[in-house]
Amino acid sequence: MIKKIFFWIFLIINKFNYRFNYRALSGVLDKFKMRFLSMSGAKIGLNSVVRSNTFILNSKNLNIGNNSSIGSNSEIFNSTNFYIGDNVDIGTQFYINTDNHKFDDPKKFLSKQGVISSEIIIGSDIWIGTRVTILAGVKINDRVIVGACSLINKNLESGYIYAGVPAKKIRKI
């Protein structure tokens, strides 16, 4: 019960975008906000931040390494584990979903077949552009750049730039 209260406090504080209007206080307020997120069950590394107005479905399934950030107005539908490594910079309006629909029973309506949950893993030393979507079961290995508005539906190999819908390997970093 107490963890839910801390999560609600985080959600309320997280609604306000004070980063640009109160730049001098934003670092202190971010630490305060992240403390409440940690107390609600999330595992948050040092100097990591979740920017304003970010939706998080389940704080206990959120694992963020050191020196990482998630941009504002992001949506994290993490019914199972979602991992972010160290030194990861994620742009605004980021979207992930650890669930996917089942559709293997031809006798049932598609909407009645339920879901399959698969964790998402984002390695370390990664830059993810704005409005990127990452689907269930994906692993992004270390040292990757993902271009803005890309759709990640399969694992990404280390050392490359990816972009597009679906994302394709563009070139070596």
N, C-alpha and C. Protein backbone atom coordinates (compact mmCIF):
# COMPACT_ATOMS: atom_id res chain seq x y z
N MET A 1 0.82 -1.20 0.00
CA MET A 1 0.00 0.00 0.00
C MET A 1 0.86 1.26 0.00
N ILE A 2 1.91 1.25 0.80
CA ILE A 2 2.77 2.43 0.89
C ILE A 2 3.48 2.70 -0.43
N LYS A 3 3.85 1.62 -1.15
CA LYS A 3 4.50 1.80 -2.46
C LYS A 3 3.55 2.45 -3.45
N LYS A 4 2.26 2.12 -3.38
CA LYS A 4 1.28 2.74 -4.26
C LYS A 4 1.14 4.23 -3.96
N ILE A 5 1.21 4.59 -2.70
CA ILE A 5 1.15 6.02 -2.32
C ILE A 5 2.34 6.76 -2.89
N PHE A 6 3.54 6.20 -2.77
CA PHE A 6 4.74 6.83 -3.33
C PHE A 6 4.63 6.96 -4.85
N PHE A 7 4.05 5.93 -5.50
CA PHE A 7 3.88 5.99 -6.94
C PHE A 7 2.91 7.10 -7.33
N TRP A 8 1.82 7.25 -6.59
CA TRP A 8 0.87 8.34 -6.85
C TRP A 8 1.52 9.70 -6.65
N ILE A 9 2.37 9.84 -5.64
CA ILE A 9 3.09 11.11 -5.43
C ILE A 9 3.99 11.39 -6.63
N PHE A 10 4.72 10.35 -7.08
CA PHE A 10 5.56 10.51 -8.28
C PHE A 10 4.71 10.97 -9.46
N LEU A 11 3.56 10.31 -9.71
CA LEU A 11 2.71 10.65 -10.85
C LEU A 11 2.23 12.10 -10.79
N ILE A 12 1.87 12.57 -9.61
CA ILE A 12 1.41 13.95 -9.47
C ILE A 12 2.54 14.93 -9.75
N ILE A 13 3.70 14.70 -9.14
CA ILE A 13 4.85 15.59 -9.38
C ILE A 13 5.26 15.54 -10.84
N ASN A 14 5.18 14.36 -11.45
CA ASN A 14 5.63 14.15 -12.82
C ASN A 14 4.76 14.86 -13.85
N LYS A 15 3.58 15.30 -13.48
CA LYS A 15 2.68 16.02 -14.40
C LYS A 15 3.19 17.41 -14.74
N PHE A 16 4.04 17.97 -13.90
CA PHE A 16 4.50 19.35 -14.08
C PHE A 16 5.83 19.40 -14.81
N ASN A 17 5.91 20.22 -15.84
CA ASN A 17 7.14 20.39 -16.60
C ASN A 17 7.85 21.65 -16.11
N TYR A 18 8.72 21.48 -15.14
CA TYR A 18 9.44 22.59 -14.53
C TYR A 18 10.85 22.72 -15.08
N ARG A 19 11.24 21.84 -15.98
CA ARG A 19 12.61 21.79 -16.47
C ARG A 19 13.04 23.08 -17.15
N PHE A 20 12.15 23.69 -17.93
CA PHE A 20 12.53 24.89 -18.67
C PHE A 20 12.18 26.17 -17.92
N ASN A 21 11.09 26.15 -17.16
CA ASN A 21 10.67 27.35 -16.45
C ASN A 21 11.48 27.61 -15.19
N TYR A 22 11.91 26.56 -14.54
CA TYR A 22 12.65 26.68 -13.27
C TYR A 22 13.95 25.88 -13.36
N ARG A 23 14.77 26.24 -14.32
CA ARG A 23 15.98 25.48 -14.61
C ARG A 23 16.88 25.34 -13.38
N ALA A 24 16.97 26.37 -12.56
CA ALA A 24 17.84 26.33 -11.38
C ALA A 24 17.38 25.27 -10.38
N LEU A 25 16.08 25.03 -10.30
CA LEU A 25 15.54 24.06 -9.36
C LEU A 25 15.32 22.67 -9.97
N SER A 26 15.40 22.56 -11.27
CA SER A 26 15.00 21.31 -11.92
C SER A 26 15.81 20.11 -11.47
N GLY A 27 17.12 20.28 -11.23
CA GLY A 27 17.95 19.16 -10.78
C GLY A 27 17.52 18.64 -9.43
N VAL A 28 17.22 19.56 -8.51
CA VAL A 28 16.77 19.17 -7.17
C VAL A 28 15.41 18.50 -7.24
N LEU A 29 14.49 19.08 -8.02
CA LEU A 29 13.15 18.51 -8.14
C LEU A 29 13.17 17.15 -8.83
N ASP A 30 14.08 16.97 -9.81
CA ASP A 30 14.21 15.66 -10.46
C ASP A 30 14.67 14.59 -9.47
N LYS A 31 15.64 14.93 -8.62
CA LYS A 31 16.12 13.97 -7.61
C LYS A 31 15.00 13.60 -6.64
N PHE A 32 14.21 14.58 -6.26
CA PHE A 32 13.08 14.37 -5.36
C PHE A 32 12.06 13.44 -6.02
N LYS A 33 11.74 13.73 -7.28
CA LYS A 33 10.77 12.93 -8.04
C LYS A 33 11.27 11.49 -8.21
N MET A 34 12.54 11.32 -8.55
CA MET A 34 13.09 9.99 -8.77
C MET A 34 13.15 9.18 -7.48
N ARG A 35 13.32 9.88 -6.36
CA ARG A 35 13.31 9.20 -5.05
C ARG A 35 11.94 8.55 -4.82
N PHE A 36 10.87 9.28 -5.13
CA PHE A 36 9.52 8.72 -4.98
C PHE A 36 9.31 7.53 -5.91
N LEU A 37 9.84 7.62 -7.13
CA LEU A 37 9.71 6.50 -8.06
C LEU A 37 10.44 5.27 -7.52
N SER A 38 11.63 5.46 -6.96
CA SER A 38 12.38 4.35 -6.36
C SER A 38 11.63 3.75 -5.18
N MET A 39 11.04 4.59 -4.35
CA MET A 39 10.31 4.12 -3.18
C MET A 39 9.03 3.38 -3.57
N SER A 40 8.59 3.56 -4.81
CA SER A 40 7.40 2.84 -5.28
C SER A 40 7.74 1.48 -5.88
N GLY A 41 9.03 1.12 -5.92
CA GLY A 41 9.43 -0.20 -6.38
C GLY A 41 10.33 -0.22 -7.60
N ALA A 42 10.49 0.90 -8.29
CA ALA A 42 11.38 0.95 -9.45
C ALA A 42 12.84 0.88 -8.99
N LYS A 43 13.69 0.32 -9.83
CA LYS A 43 15.13 0.29 -9.55
C LYS A 43 15.77 1.36 -10.44
N ILE A 44 16.22 2.44 -9.80
CA ILE A 44 16.73 3.61 -10.51
C ILE A 44 18.20 3.82 -10.13
N GLY A 45 19.08 3.91 -11.13
CA GLY A 45 20.50 4.15 -10.89
C GLY A 45 20.79 5.61 -10.58
N LEU A 46 22.03 5.87 -10.24
CA LEU A 46 22.46 7.23 -9.92
C LEU A 46 22.34 8.16 -11.13
N ASN A 47 21.90 9.37 -10.88
CA ASN A 47 21.81 10.44 -11.89
C ASN A 47 20.87 10.10 -13.05
N SER A 48 19.94 9.20 -12.86
CA SER A 48 18.97 8.88 -13.91
C SER A 48 17.68 9.65 -13.65
N VAL A 49 16.95 9.95 -14.73
CA VAL A 49 15.74 10.75 -14.59
C VAL A 49 14.69 10.33 -15.61
N VAL A 50 13.45 10.42 -15.18
CA VAL A 50 12.29 10.25 -16.06
C VAL A 50 11.66 11.63 -16.17
N ARG A 51 11.64 12.20 -17.36
CA ARG A 51 11.13 13.56 -17.56
C ARG A 51 9.62 13.63 -17.39
N SER A 52 9.11 14.83 -17.38
CA SER A 52 7.72 15.10 -17.04
C SER A 52 6.71 14.43 -17.97
N ASN A 53 5.55 14.18 -17.38
CA ASN A 53 4.38 13.67 -18.07
C ASN A 53 4.62 12.33 -18.76
N THR A 54 5.44 11.49 -18.12
CA THR A 54 5.70 10.15 -18.64
C THR A 54 4.80 9.16 -17.92
N PHE A 55 4.10 8.34 -18.70
CA PHE A 55 3.22 7.32 -18.15
C PHE A 55 4.04 6.05 -17.91
N ILE A 56 3.93 5.50 -16.71
CA ILE A 56 4.57 4.22 -16.37
C ILE A 56 3.48 3.30 -15.83
N LEU A 57 3.28 2.16 -16.48
CA LEU A 57 2.23 1.24 -16.06
C LEU A 57 2.53 0.59 -14.72
N ASN A 58 3.77 0.10 -14.55
CA ASN A 58 4.09 -0.68 -13.36
C ASN A 58 5.51 -0.34 -12.90
N SER A 59 5.63 0.42 -11.83
CA SER A 59 6.94 0.88 -11.37
C SER A 59 7.85 -0.27 -10.94
N LYS A 60 7.28 -1.35 -10.39
CA LYS A 60 8.15 -2.45 -9.92
C LYS A 60 8.83 -3.19 -11.06
N ASN A 61 8.34 -3.03 -12.29
CA ASN A 61 8.95 -3.67 -13.46
C ASN A 61 9.89 -2.74 -14.23
N LEU A 62 10.20 -1.58 -13.64
CA LEU A 62 11.07 -0.60 -14.28
C LEU A 62 12.46 -0.66 -13.67
N ASN A 63 13.48 -0.86 -14.51
CA ASN A 63 14.88 -0.96 -14.07
C ASN A 63 15.72 -0.03 -14.94
N ILE A 64 16.26 1.03 -14.35
CA ILE A 64 17.05 2.00 -15.09
C ILE A 64 18.45 2.07 -14.47
N GLY A 65 19.48 1.98 -15.30
CA GLY A 65 20.86 2.05 -14.84
C GLY A 65 21.27 3.47 -14.48
N ASN A 66 22.56 3.72 -14.41
CA ASN A 66 23.12 5.02 -14.04
C ASN A 66 23.18 5.97 -15.24
N ASN A 67 22.99 7.27 -14.96
CA ASN A 67 23.17 8.33 -15.96
C ASN A 67 22.28 8.18 -17.19
N SER A 68 21.07 7.71 -17.01
CA SER A 68 20.15 7.51 -18.13
C SER A 68 18.94 8.42 -17.98
N SER A 69 18.31 8.75 -19.11
CA SER A 69 17.12 9.60 -19.04
C SER A 69 16.08 9.15 -20.06
N ILE A 70 14.82 9.34 -19.68
CA ILE A 70 13.68 9.08 -20.55
C ILE A 70 13.00 10.41 -20.78
N GLY A 71 12.82 10.78 -22.04
CA GLY A 71 12.24 12.07 -22.40
C GLY A 71 10.80 12.24 -21.98
N SER A 72 10.35 13.48 -21.95
CA SER A 72 8.99 13.81 -21.52
C SER A 72 7.94 13.25 -22.48
N ASN A 73 6.73 13.12 -21.97
CA ASN A 73 5.56 12.65 -22.72
C ASN A 73 5.75 11.25 -23.30
N SER A 74 6.50 10.42 -22.58
CA SER A 74 6.72 9.04 -23.02
C SER A 74 5.67 8.12 -22.40
N GLU A 75 5.52 6.93 -23.00
CA GLU A 75 4.56 5.95 -22.51
C GLU A 75 5.26 4.61 -22.35
N ILE A 76 5.24 4.09 -21.12
CA ILE A 76 5.92 2.84 -20.80
C ILE A 76 4.86 1.86 -20.30
N PHE A 77 4.42 0.97 -21.19
CA PHE A 77 3.47 -0.07 -20.85
C PHE A 77 4.27 -1.32 -20.52
N ASN A 78 4.67 -1.43 -19.25
CA ASN A 78 5.58 -2.50 -18.83
C ASN A 78 4.89 -3.45 -17.86
N SER A 79 4.07 -4.33 -18.39
CA SER A 79 3.42 -5.32 -17.53
C SER A 79 4.41 -6.40 -17.09
N THR A 80 5.55 -6.47 -17.75
CA THR A 80 6.67 -7.31 -17.30
C THR A 80 7.92 -6.43 -17.32
N ASN A 81 9.09 -7.00 -17.06
CA ASN A 81 10.30 -6.21 -16.87
C ASN A 81 10.72 -5.41 -18.10
N PHE A 82 11.16 -4.19 -17.82
CA PHE A 82 11.72 -3.28 -18.82
C PHE A 82 13.03 -2.78 -18.24
N TYR A 83 14.14 -3.07 -18.93
CA TYR A 83 15.47 -2.72 -18.46
C TYR A 83 16.11 -1.67 -19.36
N ILE A 84 16.72 -0.68 -18.73
CA ILE A 84 17.53 0.32 -19.43
C ILE A 84 18.89 0.31 -18.77
N GLY A 85 19.95 0.22 -19.56
CA GLY A 85 21.31 0.18 -19.02
C GLY A 85 21.83 1.55 -18.61
N ASP A 86 23.15 1.68 -18.56
CA ASP A 86 23.82 2.92 -18.17
C ASP A 86 24.03 3.83 -19.38
N ASN A 87 24.00 5.13 -19.14
CA ASN A 87 24.31 6.14 -20.16
C ASN A 87 23.43 6.01 -21.40
N VAL A 88 22.13 5.94 -21.15
CA VAL A 88 21.15 5.86 -22.22
C VAL A 88 20.36 7.16 -22.26
N ASP A 89 20.26 7.76 -23.43
CA ASP A 89 19.49 9.00 -23.61
C ASP A 89 18.33 8.70 -24.55
N ILE A 90 17.11 8.78 -24.01
CA ILE A 90 15.90 8.48 -24.78
C ILE A 90 15.13 9.77 -25.00
N GLY A 91 14.78 10.05 -26.25
CA GLY A 91 14.06 11.27 -26.61
C GLY A 91 12.62 11.30 -26.12
N THR A 92 11.96 12.40 -26.42
CA THR A 92 10.57 12.60 -26.01
C THR A 92 9.62 11.68 -26.78
N GLN A 93 8.47 11.47 -26.21
CA GLN A 93 7.38 10.70 -26.81
C GLN A 93 7.80 9.27 -27.18
N PHE A 94 8.65 8.72 -26.37
CA PHE A 94 9.11 7.33 -26.47
C PHE A 94 7.94 6.41 -26.12
N TYR A 95 7.80 5.26 -26.80
CA TYR A 95 6.72 4.33 -26.52
C TYR A 95 7.26 2.90 -26.49
N ILE A 96 6.98 2.19 -25.40
CA ILE A 96 7.30 0.76 -25.35
C ILE A 96 6.08 0.00 -24.85
N ASN A 97 5.99 -1.25 -25.27
CA ASN A 97 4.91 -2.11 -24.80
C ASN A 97 5.45 -3.53 -24.69
N THR A 98 5.43 -4.08 -23.48
CA THR A 98 5.94 -5.43 -23.27
C THR A 98 4.91 -6.51 -23.59
N ASP A 99 3.71 -6.11 -24.00
CA ASP A 99 2.65 -7.06 -24.35
C ASP A 99 2.42 -7.13 -25.85
N ASN A 100 1.95 -8.30 -26.29
CA ASN A 100 1.55 -8.50 -27.67
C ASN A 100 0.33 -9.42 -27.67
N HIS A 101 -0.54 -9.26 -28.62
CA HIS A 101 -1.75 -10.09 -28.70
C HIS A 101 -1.43 -11.50 -29.15
N LYS A 102 -2.16 -12.46 -28.60
CA LYS A 102 -2.13 -13.83 -29.11
C LYS A 102 -3.11 -13.89 -30.28
N PHE A 103 -2.85 -14.78 -31.23
CA PHE A 103 -3.78 -14.93 -32.36
C PHE A 103 -3.69 -16.32 -32.97
N ASP A 104 -3.33 -17.31 -32.15
CA ASP A 104 -3.10 -18.66 -32.69
C ASP A 104 -4.32 -19.59 -32.66
N ASP A 105 -5.41 -19.19 -32.03
CA ASP A 105 -6.60 -20.05 -31.98
C ASP A 105 -7.64 -19.56 -33.00
N PRO A 106 -7.81 -20.28 -34.12
CA PRO A 106 -8.73 -19.81 -35.17
C PRO A 106 -10.21 -19.87 -34.75
N LYS A 107 -10.50 -20.53 -33.64
CA LYS A 107 -11.89 -20.65 -33.19
C LYS A 107 -12.31 -19.50 -32.27
N LYS A 108 -11.37 -18.70 -31.83
CA LYS A 108 -11.67 -17.59 -30.92
C LYS A 108 -11.55 -16.26 -31.66
N PHE A 109 -12.34 -15.29 -31.20
CA PHE A 109 -12.17 -13.93 -31.71
C PHE A 109 -10.77 -13.43 -31.35
N LEU A 110 -10.17 -12.68 -32.23
CA LEU A 110 -8.82 -12.16 -31.99
C LEU A 110 -8.75 -11.36 -30.68
N SER A 111 -9.79 -10.59 -30.41
CA SER A 111 -9.79 -9.75 -29.22
C SER A 111 -9.95 -10.54 -27.92
N LYS A 112 -10.27 -11.82 -28.01
CA LYS A 112 -10.50 -12.65 -26.82
C LYS A 112 -9.38 -13.65 -26.56
N GLN A 113 -8.27 -13.58 -27.29
CA GLN A 113 -7.21 -14.58 -27.15
C GLN A 113 -6.15 -14.21 -26.12
N GLY A 114 -6.23 -13.04 -25.54
CA GLY A 114 -5.29 -12.66 -24.50
C GLY A 114 -3.99 -12.09 -25.03
N VAL A 115 -3.01 -11.98 -24.14
CA VAL A 115 -1.72 -11.37 -24.49
C VAL A 115 -0.56 -12.26 -24.06
N ILE A 116 0.56 -12.02 -24.68
CA ILE A 116 1.84 -12.62 -24.30
C ILE A 116 2.74 -11.46 -23.88
N SER A 117 3.35 -11.58 -22.70
CA SER A 117 4.25 -10.53 -22.22
C SER A 117 5.70 -10.98 -22.39
N SER A 118 6.53 -10.09 -22.90
CA SER A 118 7.96 -10.37 -23.08
C SER A 118 8.75 -9.14 -22.69
N GLU A 119 9.78 -9.33 -21.88
CA GLU A 119 10.56 -8.19 -21.41
C GLU A 119 11.28 -7.49 -22.57
N ILE A 120 11.59 -6.23 -22.32
CA ILE A 120 12.35 -5.41 -23.27
C ILE A 120 13.64 -5.00 -22.56
N ILE A 121 14.76 -5.14 -23.27
CA ILE A 121 16.07 -4.82 -22.69
C ILE A 121 16.76 -3.80 -23.60
N ILE A 122 17.12 -2.68 -23.02
CA ILE A 122 17.92 -1.67 -23.71
C ILE A 122 19.27 -1.65 -23.02
N GLY A 123 20.33 -1.92 -23.75
CA GLY A 123 21.68 -2.00 -23.19
C GLY A 123 22.21 -0.66 -22.72
N SER A 124 23.52 -0.50 -22.73
CA SER A 124 24.19 0.72 -22.28
C SER A 124 24.79 1.48 -23.45
N ASP A 125 25.05 2.78 -23.23
CA ASP A 125 25.67 3.66 -24.23
C ASP A 125 24.80 3.71 -25.49
N ILE A 126 23.56 4.14 -25.31
CA ILE A 126 22.58 4.15 -26.39
C ILE A 126 21.91 5.51 -26.47
N TRP A 127 21.65 5.95 -27.68
CA TRP A 127 20.91 7.18 -27.94
C TRP A 127 19.69 6.79 -28.77
N ILE A 128 18.50 7.08 -28.23
CA ILE A 128 17.25 6.78 -28.91
C ILE A 128 16.54 8.09 -29.20
N GLY A 129 16.25 8.35 -30.47
CA GLY A 129 15.62 9.61 -30.88
C GLY A 129 14.18 9.73 -30.42
N THR A 130 13.58 10.86 -30.75
CA THR A 130 12.21 11.14 -30.35
C THR A 130 11.22 10.26 -31.09
N ARG A 131 10.10 9.96 -30.45
CA ARG A 131 8.98 9.20 -31.02
C ARG A 131 9.35 7.81 -31.51
N VAL A 132 10.26 7.16 -30.83
CA VAL A 132 10.63 5.78 -31.18
C VAL A 132 9.69 4.82 -30.46
N THR A 133 9.29 3.76 -31.16
CA THR A 133 8.44 2.71 -30.61
C THR A 133 9.24 1.42 -30.53
N ILE A 134 9.20 0.76 -29.36
CA ILE A 134 9.88 -0.52 -29.18
C ILE A 134 8.84 -1.54 -28.75
N LEU A 135 8.79 -2.65 -29.47
CA LEU A 135 7.78 -3.68 -29.22
C LEU A 135 8.30 -4.80 -28.32
N ALA A 136 7.40 -5.62 -27.82
CA ALA A 136 7.69 -6.68 -26.85
C ALA A 136 8.78 -7.62 -27.33
N GLY A 137 9.63 -8.03 -26.37
CA GLY A 137 10.64 -9.05 -26.63
C GLY A 137 11.92 -8.56 -27.27
N VAL A 138 12.04 -7.26 -27.49
CA VAL A 138 13.21 -6.72 -28.19
C VAL A 138 14.38 -6.52 -27.22
N LYS A 139 15.59 -6.78 -27.73
CA LYS A 139 16.81 -6.46 -27.00
C LYS A 139 17.66 -5.55 -27.89
N ILE A 140 18.02 -4.39 -27.35
CA ILE A 140 18.92 -3.48 -28.05
C ILE A 140 20.27 -3.62 -27.36
N ASN A 141 21.25 -4.12 -28.08
CA ASN A 141 22.58 -4.32 -27.50
C ASN A 141 23.28 -2.99 -27.30
N ASP A 142 24.42 -3.01 -26.61
CA ASP A 142 25.16 -1.79 -26.25
C ASP A 142 25.62 -1.00 -27.48
N ARG A 143 25.78 0.30 -27.26
CA ARG A 143 26.35 1.24 -28.24
C ARG A 143 25.59 1.22 -29.56
N VAL A 144 24.35 1.75 -29.50
CA VAL A 144 23.47 1.81 -30.66
C VAL A 144 22.82 3.19 -30.71
N ILE A 145 22.60 3.68 -31.91
CA ILE A 145 21.82 4.91 -32.12
C ILE A 145 20.57 4.51 -32.89
N VAL A 146 19.40 4.99 -32.41
CA VAL A 146 18.13 4.73 -33.08
C VAL A 146 17.57 6.07 -33.53
N GLY A 147 17.33 6.22 -34.83
CA GLY A 147 16.82 7.46 -35.39
C GLY A 147 15.38 7.75 -34.97
N ALA A 148 15.02 9.02 -35.01
CA ALA A 148 13.68 9.47 -34.62
C ALA A 148 12.60 8.76 -35.42
N CYS A 149 11.47 8.53 -34.79
CA CYS A 149 10.26 7.95 -35.40
C CYS A 149 10.45 6.52 -35.90
N SER A 150 11.43 5.81 -35.37
CA SER A 150 11.68 4.44 -35.80
C SER A 150 10.81 3.45 -35.03
N LEU A 151 10.58 2.30 -35.65
CA LEU A 151 9.87 1.19 -35.02
C LEU A 151 10.85 0.04 -34.85
N ILE A 152 11.06 -0.36 -33.59
CA ILE A 152 11.99 -1.45 -33.28
C ILE A 152 11.16 -2.69 -32.98
N ASN A 153 11.22 -3.66 -33.87
CA ASN A 153 10.44 -4.89 -33.70
C ASN A 153 11.32 -6.14 -33.67
N LYS A 154 12.65 -5.94 -33.67
CA LYS A 154 13.58 -7.08 -33.56
C LYS A 154 14.85 -6.59 -32.87
N ASN A 155 15.69 -7.52 -32.46
CA ASN A 155 16.91 -7.18 -31.73
C ASN A 155 17.86 -6.37 -32.60
N LEU A 156 18.59 -5.44 -31.94
CA LEU A 156 19.54 -4.59 -32.65
C LEU A 156 20.96 -4.92 -32.21
N GLU A 157 21.84 -5.05 -33.20
CA GLU A 157 23.23 -5.41 -33.00
C GLU A 157 24.05 -4.19 -32.56
N SER A 158 25.05 -4.41 -31.73
CA SER A 158 25.93 -3.34 -31.21
C SER A 158 26.69 -2.63 -32.33
N GLY A 159 26.92 -1.33 -32.11
CA GLY A 159 27.82 -0.57 -32.96
C GLY A 159 27.23 0.01 -34.23
N TYR A 160 25.90 0.07 -34.35
CA TYR A 160 25.27 0.55 -35.58
C TYR A 160 24.23 1.63 -35.32
N ILE A 161 23.92 2.36 -36.38
CA ILE A 161 22.81 3.31 -36.40
C ILE A 161 21.65 2.63 -37.11
N TYR A 162 20.47 2.72 -36.51
CA TYR A 162 19.25 2.14 -37.08
C TYR A 162 18.21 3.23 -37.25
N ALA A 163 17.39 3.11 -38.28
CA ALA A 163 16.29 4.05 -38.47
C ALA A 163 15.26 3.45 -39.41
N GLY A 164 14.03 3.95 -39.32
CA GLY A 164 12.98 3.54 -40.25
C GLY A 164 11.85 2.77 -39.59
N VAL A 165 10.86 2.43 -40.42
CA VAL A 165 9.69 1.68 -39.98
C VAL A 165 9.51 0.48 -40.91
N PRO A 166 9.89 -0.72 -40.51
CA PRO A 166 10.63 -1.03 -39.30
C PRO A 166 12.09 -0.58 -39.43
N ALA A 167 12.76 -0.47 -38.29
CA ALA A 167 14.14 0.03 -38.28
C ALA A 167 15.07 -0.92 -39.03
N LYS A 168 15.95 -0.33 -39.82
CA LYS A 168 16.96 -1.09 -40.56
C LYS A 168 18.34 -0.52 -40.23
N LYS A 169 19.35 -1.37 -40.37
CA LYS A 169 20.72 -0.96 -40.14
C LYS A 169 21.11 0.06 -41.20
N ILE A 170 21.56 1.25 -40.76
CA ILE A 170 21.95 2.31 -41.68
C ILE A 170 23.45 2.28 -41.96
N ARG A 171 24.22 2.33 -40.86
CA ARG A 171 25.68 2.27 -41.01
C ARG A 171 26.32 2.05 -39.66
N LYS A 172 27.62 1.77 -39.67
CA LYS A 172 28.39 1.58 -38.44
C LYS A 172 28.61 2.94 -37.78
N ILE A 173 28.63 2.92 -36.45
CA ILE A 173 28.90 4.17 -35.70
C ILE A 173 30.34 4.55 -35.87
